[in-house]
Amino acid sequence: MAHELPPLSYGYDSLEPYMDKETMIIHHDKHHKAYVDNLNKAIEHHEELQDKPVEWLLENIDSISQTVRTAVRNHGGGHFNHSFFWTCLKKNVKPRGEILRAS
């Protein structure tokens, strides 16, 4: 199982004017994709890791060979964090509670 770049659940221009389309394309299609590509490259010669979800790789990082552990942690972590990040972005959400009071 090669890890894949998850598609956005909204258009690249959906967050304008806060994030412009070009920024979204660069951040998703180039930056996040680089994490995915480099994670796949790191585990390319480790068949025992290839079918593992990124969450498993990160939760079990100490069991991964030291030859690829740093690459898995860095690129797998970047992939996981960005996958989560995209789900947190929303348009037209008004701040509430402590965030509203701080603004």
PDB file of N, CA and C in Angstrom:
ATOM      1  N   MET A   1       0.855  -1.191   0.000  1.00  0.00           N
ATOM      2  CA  MET A   1       0.000   0.000   0.000  1.00  0.00           C
ATOM      3  C   MET A   1       0.888   1.238   0.000  1.00  0.00           C
ATOM      4  N   ALA A   2       0.881   1.925  -1.071  1.00  0.00           N
ATOM      5  CA  ALA A   2       1.598   3.203  -1.110  1.00  0.00           C
ATOM      6  C   ALA A   2       0.714   4.258  -0.461  1.00  0.00           C
ATOM      7  N   HIS A   3       1.332   5.103   0.306  1.00  0.00           N
ATOM      8  CA  HIS A   3       0.570   6.197   0.909  1.00  0.00           C
ATOM      9  C   HIS A   3       0.216   7.187  -0.188  1.00  0.00           C
ATOM     10  N   GLU A   4      -0.943   7.774  -0.064  1.00  0.00           N
ATOM     11  CA  GLU A   4      -1.437   8.681  -1.102  1.00  0.00           C
ATOM     12  C   GLU A   4      -1.790  10.039  -0.518  1.00  0.00           C
ATOM     13  N   LEU A   5      -1.654  11.039  -1.349  1.00  0.00           N
ATOM     14  CA  LEU A   5      -2.060  12.392  -0.987  1.00  0.00           C
ATOM     15  C   LEU A   5      -3.582  12.431  -0.966  1.00  0.00           C
ATOM     16  N   PRO A   6      -4.177  12.733   0.188  1.00  0.00           N
ATOM     17  CA  PRO A   6      -5.647  12.773   0.221  1.00  0.00           C
ATOM     18  C   PRO A   6      -6.160  14.007  -0.519  1.00  0.00           C
ATOM     19  N   PRO A   7      -7.232  13.845  -1.257  1.00  0.00           N
ATOM     20  CA  PRO A   7      -7.788  15.017  -1.945  1.00  0.00           C
ATOM     21  C   PRO A   7      -8.417  15.972  -0.930  1.00  0.00           C
ATOM     22  N   LEU A   8      -8.433  17.233  -1.283  1.00  0.00           N
ATOM     23  CA  LEU A   8      -9.137  18.205  -0.450  1.00  0.00           C
ATOM     24  C   LEU A   8     -10.633  17.980  -0.595  1.00  0.00           C
ATOM     25  N   SER A   9     -11.369  18.256   0.456  1.00  0.00           N
ATOM     26  CA  SER A   9     -12.823  18.089   0.386  1.00  0.00           C
ATOM     27  C   SER A   9     -13.502  19.393  -0.031  1.00  0.00           C
ATOM     28  N   TYR A  10     -12.719  20.341  -0.502  1.00  0.00           N
ATOM     29  CA  TYR A  10     -13.222  21.639  -0.949  1.00  0.00           C
ATOM     30  C   TYR A  10     -12.284  22.152  -2.031  1.00  0.00           C
ATOM     31  N   GLY A  11     -12.705  23.148  -2.750  1.00  0.00           N
ATOM     32  CA  GLY A  11     -11.900  23.695  -3.835  1.00  0.00           C
ATOM     33  C   GLY A  11     -10.720  24.507  -3.319  1.00  0.00           C
ATOM     34  N   TYR A  12      -9.704  24.618  -4.133  1.00  0.00           N
ATOM     35  CA  TYR A  12      -8.508  25.381  -3.758  1.00  0.00           C
ATOM     36  C   TYR A  12      -8.844  26.842  -3.455  1.00  0.00           C
ATOM     37  N   ASP A  13      -9.885  27.349  -4.066  1.00  0.00           N
ATOM     38  CA  ASP A  13     -10.238  28.756  -3.862  1.00  0.00           C
ATOM     39  C   ASP A  13     -11.316  28.942  -2.790  1.00  0.00           C
ATOM     40  N   SER A  14     -11.700  27.879  -2.110  1.00  0.00           N
ATOM     41  CA  SER A  14     -12.800  27.940  -1.145  1.00  0.00           C
ATOM     42  C   SER A  14     -12.507  28.793   0.087  1.00  0.00           C
ATOM     43  N   LEU A  15     -11.250  29.009   0.394  1.00  0.00           N
ATOM     44  CA  LEU A  15     -10.901  29.729   1.618  1.00  0.00           C
ATOM     45  C   LEU A  15     -10.511  31.185   1.367  1.00  0.00           C
ATOM     46  N   GLU A  16     -10.671  31.621   0.125  1.00  0.00           N
ATOM     47  CA  GLU A  16     -10.370  33.027  -0.179  1.00  0.00           C
ATOM     48  C   GLU A  16     -11.376  33.917   0.536  1.00  0.00           C
ATOM     49  N   PRO A  17     -10.999  35.042   1.020  1.00  0.00           N
ATOM     50  CA  PRO A  17      -9.733  35.755   0.834  1.00  0.00           C
ATOM     51  C   PRO A  17      -8.679  35.423   1.891  1.00  0.00           C
ATOM     52  N   TYR A  18      -8.932  34.478   2.779  1.00  0.00           N
ATOM     53  CA  TYR A  18      -7.999  34.175   3.862  1.00  0.00           C
ATOM     54  C   TYR A  18      -6.791  33.384   3.391  1.00  0.00           C
ATOM     55  N   MET A  19      -7.020  32.435   2.511  1.00  0.00           N
ATOM     56  CA  MET A  19      -5.948  31.689   1.852  1.00  0.00           C
ATOM     57  C   MET A  19      -6.264  31.683   0.374  1.00  0.00           C
ATOM     58  N   ASP A  20      -5.333  32.174  -0.408  1.00  0.00           N
ATOM     59  CA  ASP A  20      -5.597  32.248  -1.842  1.00  0.00           C
ATOM     60  C   ASP A  20      -5.359  30.895  -2.510  1.00  0.00           C
ATOM     61  N   LYS A  21      -5.907  30.771  -3.680  1.00  0.00           N
ATOM     62  CA  LYS A  21      -5.862  29.519  -4.442  1.00  0.00           C
ATOM     63  C   LYS A  21      -4.426  29.053  -4.676  1.00  0.00           C
ATOM     64  N   GLU A  22      -3.547  29.967  -5.042  1.00  0.00           N
ATOM     65  CA  GLU A  22      -2.157  29.595  -5.329  1.00  0.00           C
ATOM     66  C   GLU A  22      -1.469  29.018  -4.087  1.00  0.00           C
ATOM     67  N   THR A  23      -1.702  29.631  -2.942  1.00  0.00           N
ATOM     68  CA  THR A  23      -1.123  29.126  -1.694  1.00  0.00           C
ATOM     69  C   THR A  23      -1.626  27.720  -1.404  1.00  0.00           C
ATOM     70  N   MET A  24      -2.904  27.510  -1.595  1.00  0.00           N
ATOM     71  CA  MET A  24      -3.483  26.194  -1.343  1.00  0.00           C
ATOM     72  C   MET A  24      -2.900  25.139  -2.287  1.00  0.00           C
ATOM     73  N   ILE A  25      -2.761  25.481  -3.553  1.00  0.00           N
ATOM     74  CA  ILE A  25      -2.200  24.539  -4.525  1.00  0.00           C
ATOM     75  C   ILE A  25      -0.769  24.181  -4.148  1.00  0.00           C
ATOM     76  N   ILE A  26       0.025  25.183  -3.840  1.00  0.00           N
ATOM     77  CA  ILE A  26       1.426  24.934  -3.472  1.00  0.00           C
ATOM     78  C   ILE A  26       1.497  24.088  -2.200  1.00  0.00           C
ATOM     79  N   HIS A  27       0.726  24.469  -1.194  1.00  0.00           N
ATOM     80  CA  HIS A  27       0.809  23.780   0.091  1.00  0.00           C
ATOM     81  C   HIS A  27       0.298  22.343   0.000  1.00  0.00           C
ATOM     82  N   HIS A  28      -0.776  22.119  -0.729  1.00  0.00           N
ATOM     83  CA  HIS A  28      -1.324  20.761  -0.843  1.00  0.00           C
ATOM     84  C   HIS A  28      -0.576  19.945  -1.888  1.00  0.00           C
ATOM     85  N   ASP A  29      -0.536  20.432  -3.111  1.00  0.00           N
ATOM     86  CA  ASP A  29      -0.035  19.638  -4.240  1.00  0.00           C
ATOM     87  C   ASP A  29       1.482  19.502  -4.287  1.00  0.00           C
ATOM     88  N   LYS A  30       2.188  20.383  -3.633  1.00  0.00           N
ATOM     89  CA  LYS A  30       3.651  20.296  -3.642  1.00  0.00           C
ATOM     90  C   LYS A  30       4.195  19.945  -2.256  1.00  0.00           C
ATOM     91  N   HIS A  31       3.869  20.748  -1.257  1.00  0.00           N
ATOM     92  CA  HIS A  31       4.423  20.560   0.080  1.00  0.00           C
ATOM     93  C   HIS A  31       3.928  19.255   0.722  1.00  0.00           C
ATOM     94  N   HIS A  32       2.617  19.083   0.823  1.00  0.00           N
ATOM     95  CA  HIS A  32       2.087  17.861   1.427  1.00  0.00           C
ATOM     96  C   HIS A  32       2.458  16.652   0.572  1.00  0.00           C
ATOM     97  N   LYS A  33       2.381  16.791  -0.730  1.00  0.00           N
ATOM     98  CA  LYS A  33       2.734  15.677  -1.624  1.00  0.00           C
ATOM     99  C   LYS A  33       4.180  15.236  -1.412  1.00  0.00           C
ATOM    100  N   ALA A  34       5.072  16.178  -1.126  1.00  0.00           N
ATOM    101  CA  ALA A  34       6.469  15.826  -0.872  1.00  0.00           C
ATOM    102  C   ALA A  34       6.594  14.929   0.362  1.00  0.00           C
ATOM    103  N   TYR A  35       5.814  15.208   1.410  1.00  0.00           N
ATOM    104  CA  TYR A  35       5.826  14.331   2.580  1.00  0.00           C
ATOM    105  C   TYR A  35       5.388  12.919   2.205  1.00  0.00           C
ATOM    106  N   VAL A  36       4.332  12.811   1.429  1.00  0.00           N
ATOM    107  CA  VAL A  36       3.816  11.496   1.022  1.00  0.00           C
ATOM    108  C   VAL A  36       4.850  10.772   0.166  1.00  0.00           C
ATOM    109  N   ASP A  37       5.391  11.458  -0.822  1.00  0.00           N
ATOM    110  CA  ASP A  37       6.376  10.836  -1.708  1.00  0.00           C
ATOM    111  C   ASP A  37       7.616  10.379  -0.939  1.00  0.00           C
ATOM    112  N   ASN A  38       8.085  11.204  -0.024  1.00  0.00           N
ATOM    113  CA  ASN A  38       9.286  10.861   0.744  1.00  0.00           C
ATOM    114  C   ASN A  38       9.024   9.747   1.754  1.00  0.00           C
ATOM    115  N   LEU A  39       7.817   9.678   2.304  1.00  0.00           N
ATOM    116  CA  LEU A  39       7.468   8.556   3.174  1.00  0.00           C
ATOM    117  C   LEU A  39       7.490   7.267   2.362  1.00  0.00           C
ATOM    118  N   ASN A  40       6.869   7.280   1.197  1.00  0.00           N
ATOM    119  CA  ASN A  40       6.864   6.084   0.346  1.00  0.00           C
ATOM    120  C   ASN A  40       8.284   5.681  -0.042  1.00  0.00           C
ATOM    121  N   LYS A  41       9.119   6.642  -0.329  1.00  0.00           N
ATOM    122  CA  LYS A  41      10.509   6.352  -0.686  1.00  0.00           C
ATOM    123  C   LYS A  41      11.245   5.732   0.504  1.00  0.00           C
ATOM    124  N   ALA A  42      10.981   6.244   1.705  1.00  0.00           N
ATOM    125  CA  ALA A  42      11.658   5.736   2.904  1.00  0.00           C
ATOM    126  C   ALA A  42      11.328   4.270   3.171  1.00  0.00           C
ATOM    127  N   ILE A  43      10.104   3.868   2.916  1.00  0.00           N
ATOM    128  CA  ILE A  43       9.686   2.488   3.224  1.00  0.00           C
ATOM    129  C   ILE A  43       9.717   1.570   2.000  1.00  0.00           C
ATOM    130  N   GLU A  44      10.205   2.085   0.908  1.00  0.00           N
ATOM    131  CA  GLU A  44      10.222   1.338  -0.356  1.00  0.00           C
ATOM    132  C   GLU A  44      10.861  -0.046  -0.228  1.00  0.00           C
ATOM    133  N   HIS A  45      11.931  -0.157   0.539  1.00  0.00           N
ATOM    134  CA  HIS A  45      12.638  -1.438   0.667  1.00  0.00           C
ATOM    135  C   HIS A  45      12.344  -2.130   1.995  1.00  0.00           C
ATOM    136  N   HIS A  46      11.245  -1.755   2.627  1.00  0.00           N
ATOM    137  CA  HIS A  46      10.829  -2.346   3.904  1.00  0.00           C
ATOM    138  C   HIS A  46       9.399  -2.859   3.749  1.00  0.00           C
ATOM    139  N   GLU A  47       9.290  -4.048   3.154  1.00  0.00           N
ATOM    140  CA  GLU A  47       7.975  -4.620   2.853  1.00  0.00           C
ATOM    141  C   GLU A  47       7.079  -4.706   4.088  1.00  0.00           C
ATOM    142  N   GLU A  48       7.673  -4.940   5.242  1.00  0.00           N
ATOM    143  CA  GLU A  48       6.882  -5.077   6.465  1.00  0.00           C
ATOM    144  C   GLU A  48       6.191  -3.783   6.873  1.00  0.00           C
ATOM    145  N   LEU A  49       6.601  -2.660   6.300  1.00  0.00           N
ATOM    146  CA  LEU A  49       6.005  -1.361   6.631  1.00  0.00           C
ATOM    147  C   LEU A  49       5.043  -0.853   5.560  1.00  0.00           C
ATOM    148  N   GLN A  50       5.109  -1.419   4.383  1.00  0.00           N
ATOM    149  CA  GLN A  50       4.383  -0.863   3.246  1.00  0.00           C
ATOM    150  C   GLN A  50       2.864  -0.962   3.361  1.00  0.00           C
ATOM    151  N   ASP A  51       2.361  -1.905   4.110  1.00  0.00           N
ATOM    152  CA  ASP A  51       0.903  -2.025   4.230  1.00  0.00           C
ATOM    153  C   ASP A  51       0.363  -1.371   5.505  1.00  0.00           C
ATOM    154  N   LYS A  52       1.222  -0.661   6.208  1.00  0.00           N
ATOM    155  CA  LYS A  52       0.826  -0.040   7.475  1.00  0.00           C
ATOM    156  C   LYS A  52       0.323   1.381   7.248  1.00  0.00           C
ATOM    157  N   PRO A  53      -0.797   1.738   7.874  1.00  0.00           N
ATOM    158  CA  PRO A  53      -1.264   3.127   7.792  1.00  0.00           C
ATOM    159  C   PRO A  53      -0.280   4.057   8.504  1.00  0.00           C
ATOM    160  N   VAL A  54      -0.284   5.294   8.120  1.00  0.00           N
ATOM    161  CA  VAL A  54       0.649   6.261   8.703  1.00  0.00           C
ATOM    162  C   VAL A  54       0.477   6.348  10.215  1.00  0.00           C
ATOM    163  N   GLU A  55      -0.749   6.211  10.709  1.00  0.00           N
ATOM    164  CA  GLU A  55      -0.974   6.251  12.159  1.00  0.00           C
ATOM    165  C   GLU A  55      -0.212   5.124  12.851  1.00  0.00           C
ATOM    166  N   TRP A  56      -0.240   3.938  12.257  1.00  0.00           N
ATOM    167  CA  TRP A  56       0.463   2.806  12.840  1.00  0.00           C
ATOM    168  C   TRP A  56       1.962   3.068  12.843  1.00  0.00           C
ATOM    169  N   LEU A  57       2.468   3.578  11.730  1.00  0.00           N
ATOM    170  CA  LEU A  57       3.900   3.861  11.648  1.00  0.00           C
ATOM    171  C   LEU A  57       4.342   4.808  12.759  1.00  0.00           C
ATOM    172  N   LEU A  58       3.561   5.845  12.997  1.00  0.00           N
ATOM    173  CA  LEU A  58       3.922   6.827  14.012  1.00  0.00           C
ATOM    174  C   LEU A  58       3.736   6.283  15.426  1.00  0.00           C
ATOM    175  N   GLU A  59       2.680   5.537  15.649  1.00  0.00           N
ATOM    176  CA  GLU A  59       2.440   4.957  16.979  1.00  0.00           C
ATOM    177  C   GLU A  59       3.494   3.909  17.345  1.00  0.00           C
ATOM    178  N   ASN A  60       4.073   3.288  16.339  1.00  0.00           N
ATOM    179  CA  ASN A  60       5.042   2.209  16.555  1.00  0.00           C
ATOM    180  C   ASN A  60       6.442   2.590  16.086  1.00  0.00           C
ATOM    181  N   ILE A  61       6.744   3.859  16.122  1.00  0.00           N
ATOM    182  CA  ILE A  61       8.003   4.362  15.563  1.00  0.00           C
ATOM    183  C   ILE A  61       9.224   3.678  16.176  1.00  0.00           C
ATOM    184  N   ASP A  62       9.167   3.321  17.457  1.00  0.00           N
ATOM    185  CA  ASP A  62      10.323   2.690  18.100  1.00  0.00           C
ATOM    186  C   ASP A  62      10.595   1.281  17.593  1.00  0.00           C
ATOM    187  N   SER A  63       9.621   0.674  16.941  1.00  0.00           N
ATOM    188  CA  SER A  63       9.815  -0.677  16.410  1.00  0.00           C
ATOM    189  C   SER A  63      10.332  -0.660  14.970  1.00  0.00           C
ATOM    190  N   ILE A  64      10.455   0.516  14.401  1.00  0.00           N
ATOM    191  CA  ILE A  64      10.891   0.654  13.010  1.00  0.00           C
ATOM    192  C   ILE A  64      12.410   0.748  12.967  1.00  0.00           C
ATOM    193  N   SER A  65      12.992   0.095  11.995  1.00  0.00           N
ATOM    194  CA  SER A  65      14.442   0.083  11.833  1.00  0.00           C
ATOM    195  C   SER A  65      15.023   1.489  11.886  1.00  0.00           C
ATOM    196  N   GLN A  66      16.120   1.616  12.608  1.00  0.00           N
ATOM    197  CA  GLN A  66      16.751   2.929  12.728  1.00  0.00           C
ATOM    198  C   GLN A  66      17.215   3.480  11.388  1.00  0.00           C
ATOM    199  N   THR A  67      17.388   2.604  10.400  1.00  0.00           N
ATOM    200  CA  THR A  67      17.843   3.081   9.096  1.00  0.00           C
ATOM    201  C   THR A  67      16.813   3.978   8.413  1.00  0.00           C
ATOM    202  N   VAL A  68      15.522   3.809   8.772  1.00  0.00           N
ATOM    203  CA  VAL A  68      14.470   4.629   8.160  1.00  0.00           C
ATOM    204  C   VAL A  68      13.604   5.348   9.188  1.00  0.00           C
ATOM    205  N   ARG A  69      13.886   5.154  10.459  1.00  0.00           N
ATOM    206  CA  ARG A  69      13.034   5.703  11.517  1.00  0.00           C
ATOM    207  C   ARG A  69      12.887   7.220  11.423  1.00  0.00           C
ATOM    208  N   THR A  70      13.978   7.925  11.249  1.00  0.00           N
ATOM    209  CA  THR A  70      13.904   9.388  11.187  1.00  0.00           C
ATOM    210  C   THR A  70      13.086   9.841   9.986  1.00  0.00           C
ATOM    211  N   ALA A  71      13.301   9.210   8.846  1.00  0.00           N
ATOM    212  CA  ALA A  71      12.540   9.582   7.644  1.00  0.00           C
ATOM    213  C   ALA A  71      11.059   9.282   7.825  1.00  0.00           C
ATOM    214  N   VAL A  72      10.747   8.134   8.428  1.00  0.00           N
ATOM    215  CA  VAL A  72       9.337   7.784   8.669  1.00  0.00           C
ATOM    216  C   VAL A  72       8.718   8.774   9.639  1.00  0.00           C
ATOM    217  N   ARG A  73       9.445   9.110  10.697  1.00  0.00           N
ATOM    218  CA  ARG A  73       8.916  10.067  11.682  1.00  0.00           C
ATOM    219  C   ARG A  73       8.696  11.437  11.036  1.00  0.00           C
ATOM    220  N   ASN A  74       9.681  11.923  10.310  1.00  0.00           N
ATOM    221  CA  ASN A  74       9.561  13.259   9.727  1.00  0.00           C
ATOM    222  C   ASN A  74       8.530  13.327   8.603  1.00  0.00           C
ATOM    223  N   HIS A  75       8.629  12.424   7.651  1.00  0.00           N
ATOM    224  CA  HIS A  75       7.731  12.475   6.497  1.00  0.00           C
ATOM    225  C   HIS A  75       6.353  11.913   6.828  1.00  0.00           C
ATOM    226  N   GLY A  76       6.317  10.847   7.618  1.00  0.00           N
ATOM    227  CA  GLY A  76       5.027  10.317   8.060  1.00  0.00           C
ATOM    228  C   GLY A  76       4.314  11.319   8.959  1.00  0.00           C
ATOM    229  N   GLY A  77       5.071  11.955   9.841  1.00  0.00           N
ATOM    230  CA  GLY A  77       4.486  12.974  10.713  1.00  0.00           C
ATOM    231  C   GLY A  77       3.968  14.162   9.929  1.00  0.00           C
ATOM    232  N   GLY A  78       4.743  14.609   8.939  1.00  0.00           N
ATOM    233  CA  GLY A  78       4.300  15.718   8.092  1.00  0.00           C
ATOM    234  C   GLY A  78       3.046  15.361   7.314  1.00  0.00           C
ATOM    235  N   HIS A  79       3.007  14.143   6.802  1.00  0.00           N
ATOM    236  CA  HIS A  79       1.827  13.671   6.066  1.00  0.00           C
ATOM    237  C   HIS A  79       0.609  13.618   6.985  1.00  0.00           C
ATOM    238  N   PHE A  80       0.777  13.036   8.167  1.00  0.00           N
ATOM    239  CA  PHE A  80      -0.341  12.930   9.113  1.00  0.00           C
ATOM    240  C   PHE A  80      -0.826  14.317   9.538  1.00  0.00           C
ATOM    241  N   ASN A  81       0.103  15.189   9.902  1.00  0.00           N
ATOM    242  CA  ASN A  81      -0.271  16.536  10.358  1.00  0.00           C
ATOM    243  C   ASN A  81      -1.006  17.311   9.274  1.00  0.00           C
ATOM    244  N   HIS A  82      -0.530  17.225   8.047  1.00  0.00           N
ATOM    245  CA  HIS A  82      -1.195  17.945   6.967  1.00  0.00           C
ATOM    246  C   HIS A  82      -2.562  17.350   6.653  1.00  0.00           C
ATOM    247  N   SER A  83      -2.672  16.039   6.708  1.00  0.00           N
ATOM    248  CA  SER A  83      -3.978  15.407   6.476  1.00  0.00           C
ATOM    249  C   SER A  83      -4.994  15.906   7.500  1.00  0.00           C
ATOM    250  N   PHE A  84      -4.562  16.050   8.735  1.00  0.00           N
ATOM    251  CA  PHE A  84      -5.427  16.583   9.782  1.00  0.00           C
ATOM    252  C   PHE A  84      -5.706  18.066   9.549  1.00  0.00           C
ATOM    253  N   PHE A  85      -4.674  18.811   9.204  1.00  0.00           N
ATOM    254  CA  PHE A  85      -4.772  20.257   8.972  1.00  0.00           C
ATOM    255  C   PHE A  85      -5.864  20.589   7.959  1.00  0.00           C
ATOM    256  N   TRP A  86      -5.912  19.852   6.839  1.00  0.00           N
ATOM    257  CA  TRP A  86      -6.901  20.157   5.800  1.00  0.00           C
ATOM    258  C   TRP A  86      -8.321  19.994   6.316  1.00  0.00           C
ATOM    259  N   THR A  87      -8.534  19.077   7.243  1.00  0.00           N
ATOM    260  CA  THR A  87      -9.892  18.870   7.766  1.00  0.00           C
ATOM    261  C   THR A  87     -10.298  19.957   8.754  1.00  0.00           C
ATOM    262  N   CYS A  88      -9.342  20.694   9.269  1.00  0.00           N
ATOM    263  CA  CYS A  88      -9.632  21.751  10.257  1.00  0.00           C
ATOM    264  C   CYS A  88     -10.013  23.076   9.604  1.00  0.00           C
ATOM    265  N   LEU A  89      -9.641  23.253   8.350  1.00  0.00           N
ATOM    266  CA  LEU A  89      -9.913  24.519   7.679  1.00  0.00           C
ATOM    267  C   LEU A  89     -11.367  24.582   7.237  1.00  0.00           C
ATOM    268  N   LYS A  90     -11.992  25.670   7.575  1.00  0.00           N
ATOM    269  CA  LYS A  90     -13.399  25.885   7.224  1.00  0.00           C
ATOM    270  C   LYS A  90     -13.585  27.346   6.830  1.00  0.00           C
ATOM    271  N   LYS A  91     -14.540  27.585   5.987  1.00  0.00           N
ATOM    272  CA  LYS A  91     -14.858  28.946   5.588  1.00  0.00           C
ATOM    273  C   LYS A  91     -16.107  29.410   6.341  1.00  0.00           C
ATOM    274  N   ASN A  92     -16.138  30.685   6.640  1.00  0.00           N
ATOM    275  CA  ASN A  92     -17.292  31.309   7.286  1.00  0.00           C
ATOM    276  C   ASN A  92     -17.612  30.721   8.658  1.00  0.00           C
ATOM    277  N   VAL A  93     -16.594  30.369   9.392  1.00  0.00           N
ATOM    278  CA  VAL A  93     -16.786  29.912  10.768  1.00  0.00           C
ATOM    279  C   VAL A  93     -16.439  31.075  11.680  1.00  0.00           C
ATOM    280  N   LYS A  94     -17.369  31.426  12.524  1.00  0.00           N
ATOM    281  CA  LYS A  94     -17.148  32.548  13.424  1.00  0.00           C
ATOM    282  C   LYS A  94     -16.517  32.047  14.715  1.00  0.00           C
ATOM    283  N   PRO A  95     -15.532  32.798  15.230  1.00  0.00           N
ATOM    284  CA  PRO A  95     -14.906  32.380  16.484  1.00  0.00           C
ATOM    285  C   PRO A  95     -15.916  32.365  17.628  1.00  0.00           C
ATOM    286  N   ARG A  96     -15.674  31.474  18.579  1.00  0.00           N
ATOM    287  CA  ARG A  96     -16.536  31.374  19.753  1.00  0.00           C
ATOM    288  C   ARG A  96     -15.676  31.302  21.006  1.00  0.00           C
ATOM    289  N   GLY A  97     -16.316  31.484  22.115  1.00  0.00           N
ATOM    290  CA  GLY A  97     -15.673  31.271  23.401  1.00  0.00           C
ATOM    291  C   GLY A  97     -14.405  32.075  23.601  1.00  0.00           C
ATOM    292  N   GLU A  98     -13.371  31.399  24.064  1.00  0.00           N
ATOM    293  CA  GLU A  98     -12.105  32.042  24.392  1.00  0.00           C
ATOM    294  C   GLU A  98     -11.455  32.698  23.180  1.00  0.00           C
ATOM    295  N   ILE A  99     -11.578  32.073  22.026  1.00  0.00           N
ATOM    296  CA  ILE A  99     -10.995  32.652  20.810  1.00  0.00           C
ATOM    297  C   ILE A  99     -11.691  33.954  20.461  1.00  0.00           C
ATOM    298  N   LEU A 100     -12.992  34.004  20.584  1.00  0.00           N
ATOM    299  CA  LEU A 100     -13.739  35.223  20.306  1.00  0.00           C
ATOM    300  C   LEU A 100     -13.347  36.323  21.296  1.00  0.00           C
ATOM    301  N   ARG A 101     -13.256  35.981  22.549  1.00  0.00           N
ATOM    302  CA  ARG A 101     -12.880  36.969  23.558  1.00  0.00           C
ATOM    303  C   ARG A 101     -11.473  37.513  23.346  1.00  0.00           C
ATOM    304  N   ALA A 102     -10.574  36.699  22.808  1.00  0.00           N
ATOM    305  CA  ALA A 102      -9.196  37.113  22.582  1.00  0.00           C
ATOM    306  C   ALA A 102      -9.048  38.004  21.357  1.00  0.00           C
ATOM    307  N   SER A 103     -10.036  37.991  20.462  1.00  0.00           N
ATOM    308  CA  SER A 103      -9.890  38.750  19.214  1.00  0.00           C
ATOM    309  C   SER A 103     -10.348  40.179  19.346  1.00  0.00           C
TER     310      SER A 103
END
